[in-house]
Amino acid sequence: MATVALPRIGLAPDVDEPVGARMDDHAAALYHYTVRRGELGALEPAAAELGLPVATLLAAATRLVELRLLGTEEAADGRLVPAPPEVATALLVSPVERAMYRRRELADRLRDRIGAVAGGGAGGEIDALDGGAEIRGLFKLAAETCRDELVVLRPGHRQEDALDELLSPCFDVLERQVPVRVVSPHRSRTGFAARARSTRLARGGAGIRTLSQVPQAAVVFDRSLAVLIDLPEHGGEPTARRVRDGDVVRFMVELFDQLWEGATPFTVGGPGYADAADDLKQSLARLMAEGLTDEVVARRLGMSVRTCRRHIAGLLRDLDAVSRFQAGARAATRFPLTGAREDRAENG
């Protein structure tokens, strides 16, 4: 049986090139076929199993090579092997994100020079970034030059996966043993995905502490560059504000330090919410005493409504309270938050 020659890796495709939905379906079918078998050799067996013409699969294989989902780096005899989607994304998307940010940096430098010559001052100390690609491009380059410290405020959010995708380039600094501190909500202690994420960062060398409420998603590199992130609650492109004004960045670092001192250390293999139980109960009681609904309390604490209601029921039972206001009053004496935080500070 004749073997159809498979395409070799070439240049990256034009990112604006339109791709038909049918071609995407064929490429997806061939990619999953190759993943199941670990490699792709002759196309005839694939064509027989998938019920598609060889010519169609040749075009699909070409598309997969262009998208870096198939490659020959580790294969022999011209066979193609599948690459994980995250690897393909890094190979194709990262250079685009990096180029976008470098263009913005060039524009900022030109703006600063024009302002200096015209007597308008430095300018550009706070500016906007729109879209995930631009924000990740900023984080990639900022992480490459970060040497002293990275601090991250990571609140609970409905779009938690999207936020973590934006923040992931920041943690490349761990490979160079740059000190990293992260403040996350208490929910990072529970739930498989959230706890696995925190555990991975902690094992990589990051210091992690948790609070009931984290006010804003933000990152500060080397106490000189801050980025505030905003993700819309109901989808849409993220936006960010890049801050280089020294006074504003210093204020943000001081705010982070205060939150850090009052937060509960996260330990790998720790007992979930147990270490943060008093802080969580105090926050629950305070929000309940304000008359907020379960939905609002859950959103403030970055947890699901179901989980929130379970904690509220347990708090009412523990305090022998019949109302939210009564629970708040009793919690104020039973869970002295200030004392607990001072004890944690003394114990490191």
Protein backbone atom coordinates (compact mmCIF):
# COMPACT_ATOMS: atom_id res chain seq x y z
CA MET A 1 0.00 0.00 0.00
CA ALA A 2 1.37 3.41 -0.97
CA THR A 3 2.08 5.83 1.82
CA VAL A 4 0.98 9.42 1.46
CA ALA A 5 3.75 11.84 2.32
CA LEU A 6 2.97 13.79 5.47
CA PRO A 7 3.72 17.49 5.85
CA ARG A 8 6.77 18.70 7.74
CA ILE A 9 6.69 21.53 10.24
CA GLY A 10 6.88 24.88 8.49
CA LEU A 11 6.33 28.48 9.37
CA ALA A 12 3.48 29.48 11.66
CA PRO A 13 0.27 30.26 9.78
CA ASP A 14 -1.06 33.73 9.31
CA VAL A 15 -3.15 34.35 12.43
CA ASP A 16 -5.80 36.10 10.32
CA GLU A 17 -6.22 33.17 7.91
CA PRO A 18 -9.86 31.99 8.01
CA VAL A 19 -10.42 28.32 8.76
CA GLY A 20 -13.69 26.61 7.83
CA ALA A 21 -15.69 24.85 10.48
CA ARG A 22 -15.62 21.63 8.46
CA MET A 23 -11.81 21.67 8.25
CA ASP A 24 -11.67 22.23 12.02
CA ASP A 25 -13.89 19.17 12.53
CA HIS A 26 -11.68 17.02 10.29
CA ALA A 27 -8.53 18.27 12.02
CA ALA A 28 -10.06 17.56 15.44
CA ALA A 29 -11.00 14.02 14.40
CA LEU A 30 -7.49 13.34 13.10
CA TYR A 31 -5.86 14.86 16.20
CA HIS A 32 -7.87 12.64 18.57
CA TYR A 33 -7.12 9.65 16.36
CA THR A 34 -3.39 10.41 16.63
CA VAL A 35 -3.59 10.94 20.40
CA ARG A 36 -5.20 7.53 20.83
CA ARG A 37 -2.40 5.84 18.88
CA GLY A 38 0.49 8.01 19.98
CA GLU A 39 1.63 8.75 16.41
CA LEU A 40 0.48 9.20 12.82
CA GLY A 41 2.14 7.32 9.99
CA ALA A 42 0.31 6.36 6.80
CA LEU A 43 -3.02 8.12 6.32
CA GLU A 44 -4.89 5.19 4.78
CA PRO A 45 -5.67 3.44 8.12
CA ALA A 46 -6.87 6.74 9.56
CA ALA A 47 -9.02 7.38 6.49
CA ALA A 48 -10.60 3.93 6.83
CA GLU A 49 -11.39 4.36 10.52
CA LEU A 50 -12.61 7.96 10.30
CA GLY A 51 -14.51 7.50 7.06
CA LEU A 52 -12.80 10.44 5.34
CA PRO A 53 -10.88 10.69 2.08
CA VAL A 54 -7.09 10.56 2.26
CA ALA A 55 -6.88 13.98 0.59
CA THR A 56 -9.10 15.46 3.30
CA LEU A 57 -6.92 13.99 6.05
CA LEU A 58 -3.79 15.27 4.33
CA ALA A 59 -5.22 18.79 4.52
CA ALA A 60 -6.22 18.19 8.15
CA ALA A 61 -2.72 16.93 8.99
CA THR A 62 -1.24 20.03 7.38
CA ARG A 63 -3.47 22.20 9.54
CA LEU A 64 -2.46 20.31 12.69
CA VAL A 65 1.22 20.75 11.87
CA GLU A 66 0.68 24.49 11.30
CA LEU A 67 -1.09 24.71 14.66
CA ARG A 68 1.82 22.78 16.28
CA LEU A 69 -0.57 20.05 17.42
CA LEU A 70 1.47 17.53 15.41
CA GLY A 71 5.24 17.52 15.16
CA THR A 72 8.25 15.38 14.31
CA GLU A 73 10.62 16.34 17.10
CA GLU A 74 10.43 12.97 18.86
CA ALA A 75 9.26 10.76 15.97
CA ALA A 76 11.21 8.59 13.57
CA ASP A 77 10.72 7.60 9.93
CA GLY A 78 8.60 10.63 9.11
CA ARG A 79 5.87 9.80 11.59
CA LEU A 80 4.09 12.61 13.40
CA VAL A 81 3.39 12.67 17.13
CA PRO A 82 0.72 14.72 18.94
CA ALA A 83 1.65 17.67 21.12
CA PRO A 84 -0.40 18.77 24.16
CA PRO A 85 -2.64 21.80 23.42
CA GLU A 86 -0.83 23.91 26.03
CA VAL A 87 2.50 23.29 24.27
CA ALA A 88 1.03 24.24 20.90
CA THR A 89 -0.48 27.36 22.45
CA ALA A 90 2.86 28.39 23.94
CA LEU A 91 4.63 27.92 20.61
CA LEU A 92 2.16 29.96 18.57
CA VAL A 93 0.40 32.36 20.92
CA SER A 94 3.26 33.43 23.18
CA PRO A 95 5.23 35.20 20.42
CA VAL A 96 2.08 37.07 19.40
CA GLU A 97 1.41 38.17 22.98
CA ARG A 98 5.04 39.16 23.43
CA ALA A 99 5.02 41.21 20.22
CA MET A 100 1.83 43.01 21.26
CA TYR A 101 3.33 44.04 24.56
CA ARG A 102 6.62 45.15 23.00
CA ARG A 103 4.71 47.39 20.59
CA ARG A 104 2.89 48.92 23.54
CA GLU A 105 6.19 49.44 25.38
CA LEU A 106 7.62 51.19 22.32
CA ALA A 107 4.58 53.43 22.11
CA ASP A 108 4.91 54.27 25.80
CA ARG A 109 8.59 55.18 25.43
CA LEU A 110 7.82 57.40 22.45
CA ARG A 111 5.00 59.06 24.38
CA ASP A 112 7.31 59.68 27.33
CA ARG A 113 9.99 61.22 25.11
CA ILE A 114 7.50 63.47 23.36
CA GLY A 115 6.12 64.57 26.72
CA ALA A 116 9.59 65.29 28.06
CA VAL A 117 10.56 67.35 25.01
CA ALA A 118 7.27 69.24 25.01
CA GLY A 119 7.49 69.91 28.75
CA GLY A 120 4.51 67.75 29.59
CA GLY A 121 6.26 65.51 32.11
CA ALA A 122 6.79 61.78 32.04
CA GLY A 123 3.21 60.63 31.44
CA GLY A 124 2.09 57.05 30.91
CA GLU A 125 2.28 56.19 34.64
CA ILE A 126 -1.17 54.56 34.61
CA ASP A 127 -2.53 53.11 31.39
CA ALA A 128 -5.02 50.52 30.19
CA LEU A 129 -4.58 47.08 28.69
CA ASP A 130 -7.45 45.37 26.90
CA GLY A 131 -7.80 41.66 26.30
CA GLY A 132 -6.15 38.54 27.61
CA ALA A 133 -3.39 38.44 24.98
CA GLU A 134 -2.14 41.91 25.85
CA ILE A 135 -2.27 41.26 29.59
CA ARG A 136 -0.46 37.93 29.32
CA GLY A 137 2.15 39.54 27.06
CA LEU A 138 2.82 42.13 29.76
CA PHE A 139 3.08 39.43 32.43
CA LYS A 140 5.49 37.34 30.35
CA LEU A 141 7.96 40.18 29.87
CA ALA A 142 7.56 41.54 33.39
CA ALA A 143 8.23 38.07 34.82
CA GLU A 144 11.38 37.75 32.73
CA THR A 145 12.84 40.90 34.29
CA CYS A 146 11.51 40.35 37.84
CA ARG A 147 14.42 39.73 40.23
CA ASP A 148 13.48 40.71 43.79
CA GLU A 149 9.87 39.80 44.57
CA LEU A 150 6.48 39.03 43.08
CA VAL A 151 3.30 39.59 45.08
CA VAL A 152 -0.14 38.50 43.89
CA LEU A 153 -3.65 39.24 45.10
CA ARG A 154 -5.89 36.50 43.73
CA PRO A 155 -9.55 36.91 44.72
CA GLY A 156 -12.26 34.33 44.29
CA HIS A 157 -14.11 34.89 41.03
CA ARG A 158 -16.73 33.22 38.89
CA GLN A 159 -14.19 33.20 36.06
CA GLU A 160 -11.52 31.58 38.21
CA ASP A 161 -10.00 29.58 35.36
CA ALA A 162 -9.71 32.70 33.20
CA LEU A 163 -7.98 34.58 36.02
CA ASP A 164 -5.51 31.75 36.59
CA GLU A 165 -4.75 31.63 32.89
CA LEU A 166 -3.90 35.34 32.97
CA LEU A 167 -1.73 34.95 36.07
CA SER A 168 0.12 31.80 34.98
CA PRO A 169 3.02 33.61 33.20
CA CYS A 170 3.78 35.51 36.42
CA PHE A 171 4.76 32.32 38.24
CA ASP A 172 7.56 31.58 35.78
CA VAL A 173 9.71 33.56 38.24
CA LEU A 174 9.61 30.53 40.56
CA GLU A 175 11.99 28.75 38.19
CA ARG A 176 14.61 31.40 39.06
CA GLN A 177 13.77 31.18 42.80
CA VAL A 178 12.40 34.73 42.94
CA PRO A 179 10.43 35.14 46.20
CA VAL A 180 6.67 34.93 45.56
CA ARG A 181 3.84 35.73 47.96
CA VAL A 182 0.18 35.06 47.11
CA VAL A 183 -2.94 36.03 49.05
CA SER A 184 -5.98 33.96 48.03
CA PRO A 185 -9.46 33.43 49.47
CA HIS A 186 -10.03 30.65 52.00
CA ARG A 187 -11.72 28.59 49.29
CA SER A 188 -8.22 27.88 47.93
CA ARG A 189 -7.94 25.40 50.78
CA THR A 190 -10.81 23.23 49.59
CA GLY A 191 -12.08 21.84 46.34
CA PHE A 192 -9.91 19.61 44.20
CA ALA A 193 -8.92 22.13 41.52
CA ALA A 194 -8.34 25.09 43.85
CA ARG A 195 -6.35 23.09 46.37
CA ALA A 196 -4.28 21.41 43.64
CA ARG A 197 -3.43 24.83 42.22
CA SER A 198 -2.35 26.20 45.59
CA THR A 199 -0.39 23.03 46.36
CA ARG A 200 1.45 23.24 43.04
CA LEU A 201 2.47 26.85 43.68
CA ALA A 202 3.50 26.11 47.27
CA ARG A 203 5.67 23.20 46.19
CA GLY A 204 7.22 25.46 43.57
CA GLY A 205 8.36 27.79 46.36
CA ALA A 206 5.53 30.32 46.62
CA GLY A 207 4.32 31.50 50.00
CA ILE A 208 0.51 31.37 50.14
CA ARG A 209 -1.85 32.76 52.74
CA THR A 210 -5.64 32.97 52.69
CA LEU A 211 -8.32 35.43 53.76
CA SER A 212 -12.09 35.42 53.77
CA GLN A 213 -12.14 38.26 51.25
CA VAL A 214 -9.47 39.39 48.77
CA PRO A 215 -10.48 42.82 47.43
CA GLN A 216 -8.87 43.01 43.98
CA ALA A 217 -6.91 40.93 41.51
CA ALA A 218 -3.49 42.55 41.30
CA VAL A 219 0.18 41.77 40.74
CA VAL A 220 3.26 43.77 41.75
CA PHE A 221 6.68 43.08 40.24
CA ASP A 222 9.76 44.16 42.20
CA ARG A 223 7.79 46.86 44.04
CA SER A 224 8.03 49.00 40.90
CA LEU A 225 5.31 47.82 38.49
CA ALA A 226 1.74 47.01 39.50
CA VAL A 227 -1.07 45.60 37.39
CA LEU A 228 -4.73 45.66 38.51
CA ILE A 229 -6.94 43.11 36.74
CA ASP A 230 -10.66 43.30 36.09
CA LEU A 231 -12.63 40.30 34.80
CA PRO A 232 -16.32 40.96 34.02
CA GLU A 233 -18.64 38.82 36.13
CA HIS A 234 -20.59 37.57 33.12
CA GLY A 235 -17.85 36.95 30.57
CA GLY A 236 -16.21 39.28 28.14
CA GLU A 237 -12.62 40.33 27.63
CA PRO A 238 -10.54 41.11 30.73
CA THR A 239 -9.01 44.53 31.19
CA ALA A 240 -6.14 45.75 33.34
CA ARG A 241 -4.46 48.93 34.55
CA ARG A 242 -0.69 49.11 34.51
CA VAL A 243 0.66 51.38 37.25
CA ARG A 244 4.20 52.70 37.35
CA ASP A 245 3.69 55.69 39.62
CA GLY A 246 6.00 55.09 42.59
CA ASP A 247 3.61 56.39 45.26
CA VAL A 248 0.68 54.31 44.00
CA VAL A 249 2.79 51.14 43.72
CA ARG A 250 4.17 51.71 47.22
CA PHE A 251 0.63 52.08 48.58
CA MET A 252 -0.40 48.81 46.92
CA VAL A 253 2.57 46.96 48.40
CA GLU A 254 1.77 48.31 51.87
CA LEU A 255 -1.85 47.20 51.42
CA PHE A 256 -0.65 43.75 50.39
CA ASP A 257 1.67 43.56 53.42
CA GLN A 258 -1.23 44.37 55.75
CA LEU A 259 -3.41 41.69 54.18
CA TRP A 260 -0.50 39.24 54.32
CA GLU A 261 0.06 39.82 58.03
CA GLY A 262 -3.60 39.15 58.80
CA ALA A 263 -3.92 36.09 56.56
CA THR A 264 -3.67 32.41 57.46
CA PRO A 265 -0.69 30.44 56.08
CA PHE A 266 -1.50 27.67 53.63
CA THR A 267 0.40 24.43 54.12
CA VAL A 268 0.59 21.51 51.71
CA GLY A 269 -1.48 18.66 53.10
CA GLY A 270 -3.13 20.97 55.65
CA PRO A 271 -6.64 20.34 57.02
CA GLY A 272 -8.72 22.41 54.60
CA TYR A 273 -10.67 25.20 56.28
CA ALA A 274 -9.61 24.10 59.78
CA ASP A 275 -6.68 26.53 60.10
CA ALA A 276 -8.87 29.41 58.94
CA ALA A 277 -12.06 28.39 60.76
CA ASP A 278 -12.27 31.32 63.19
CA ASP A 279 -11.55 33.90 60.49
CA LEU A 280 -14.16 32.37 58.20
CA LYS A 281 -16.80 32.22 60.95
CA GLN A 282 -16.12 35.81 61.96
CA SER A 283 -16.50 37.00 58.37
CA LEU A 284 -19.66 34.97 57.88
CA ALA A 285 -21.23 36.34 61.04
CA ARG A 286 -20.32 39.94 60.19
CA LEU A 287 -21.83 39.71 56.70
CA MET A 288 -24.93 37.97 58.03
CA ALA A 289 -25.38 40.68 60.67
CA GLU A 290 -25.37 43.26 57.86
CA GLY A 291 -28.52 41.64 56.51
CA LEU A 292 -26.94 40.39 53.30
CA THR A 293 -28.50 37.48 51.43
CA ASP A 294 -26.82 34.10 51.10
CA GLU A 295 -26.01 34.89 47.48
CA VAL A 296 -24.23 38.16 48.36
CA VAL A 297 -22.36 36.57 51.28
CA ALA A 298 -21.19 33.75 49.01
CA ARG A 299 -20.00 36.21 46.38
CA ARG A 300 -18.12 38.30 48.97
CA LEU A 301 -16.37 35.20 50.30
CA GLY A 302 -15.66 33.73 46.87
CA MET A 303 -17.52 30.46 47.40
CA SER A 304 -20.59 28.77 45.98
CA VAL A 305 -24.00 29.53 47.48
CA ARG A 306 -24.38 25.88 48.47
CA THR A 307 -21.08 25.88 50.35
CA CYS A 308 -21.92 29.21 51.95
CA ARG A 309 -25.26 27.96 53.23
CA ARG A 310 -23.58 24.89 54.70
CA HIS A 311 -21.16 27.12 56.62
CA ILE A 312 -23.99 29.42 57.75
CA ALA A 313 -25.99 26.47 59.08
CA GLY A 314 -22.95 25.21 60.97
CA LEU A 315 -22.26 28.66 62.42
CA LEU A 316 -25.85 29.11 63.65
CA ARG A 317 -25.67 25.68 65.24
CA ASP A 318 -22.27 26.30 66.89
CA LEU A 319 -23.38 29.65 68.29
CA ASP A 320 -26.86 28.42 69.28
CA ALA A 321 -28.23 31.45 67.41
CA VAL A 322 -31.72 31.79 65.96
CA SER A 323 -31.04 34.80 63.72
CA ARG A 324 -28.25 36.23 61.63
CA PHE A 325 -27.94 39.31 63.82
CA GLN A 326 -27.69 37.20 66.96
CA ALA A 327 -25.00 35.09 65.30
CA GLY A 328 -23.02 38.22 64.51
CA ALA A 329 -23.23 39.50 68.08
CA ARG A 330 -22.22 36.19 69.61
CA ALA A 331 -19.43 35.66 67.12
CA ALA A 332 -17.90 39.03 68.05
CA THR A 333 -17.14 37.68 71.54
CA ARG A 334 -16.48 34.06 70.66
CA PHE A 335 -14.12 34.63 67.72
CA PRO A 336 -11.86 37.59 68.59
CA LEU A 337 -10.40 38.19 65.14
CA THR A 338 -7.71 40.64 66.24
CA GLY A 339 -6.27 38.27 68.79
CA ALA A 340 -6.22 35.40 66.33
CA ARG A 341 -4.31 37.45 63.80
CA GLU A 342 -1.80 38.60 66.41
CA ASP A 343 -1.20 34.97 67.40
CA ARG A 344 -0.58 34.04 63.79
CA ALA A 345 1.83 36.95 63.34
CA GLU A 346 3.80 35.92 66.44
CA ASN A 347 4.04 32.35 65.18
CA GLY A 348 5.24 33.46 61.72
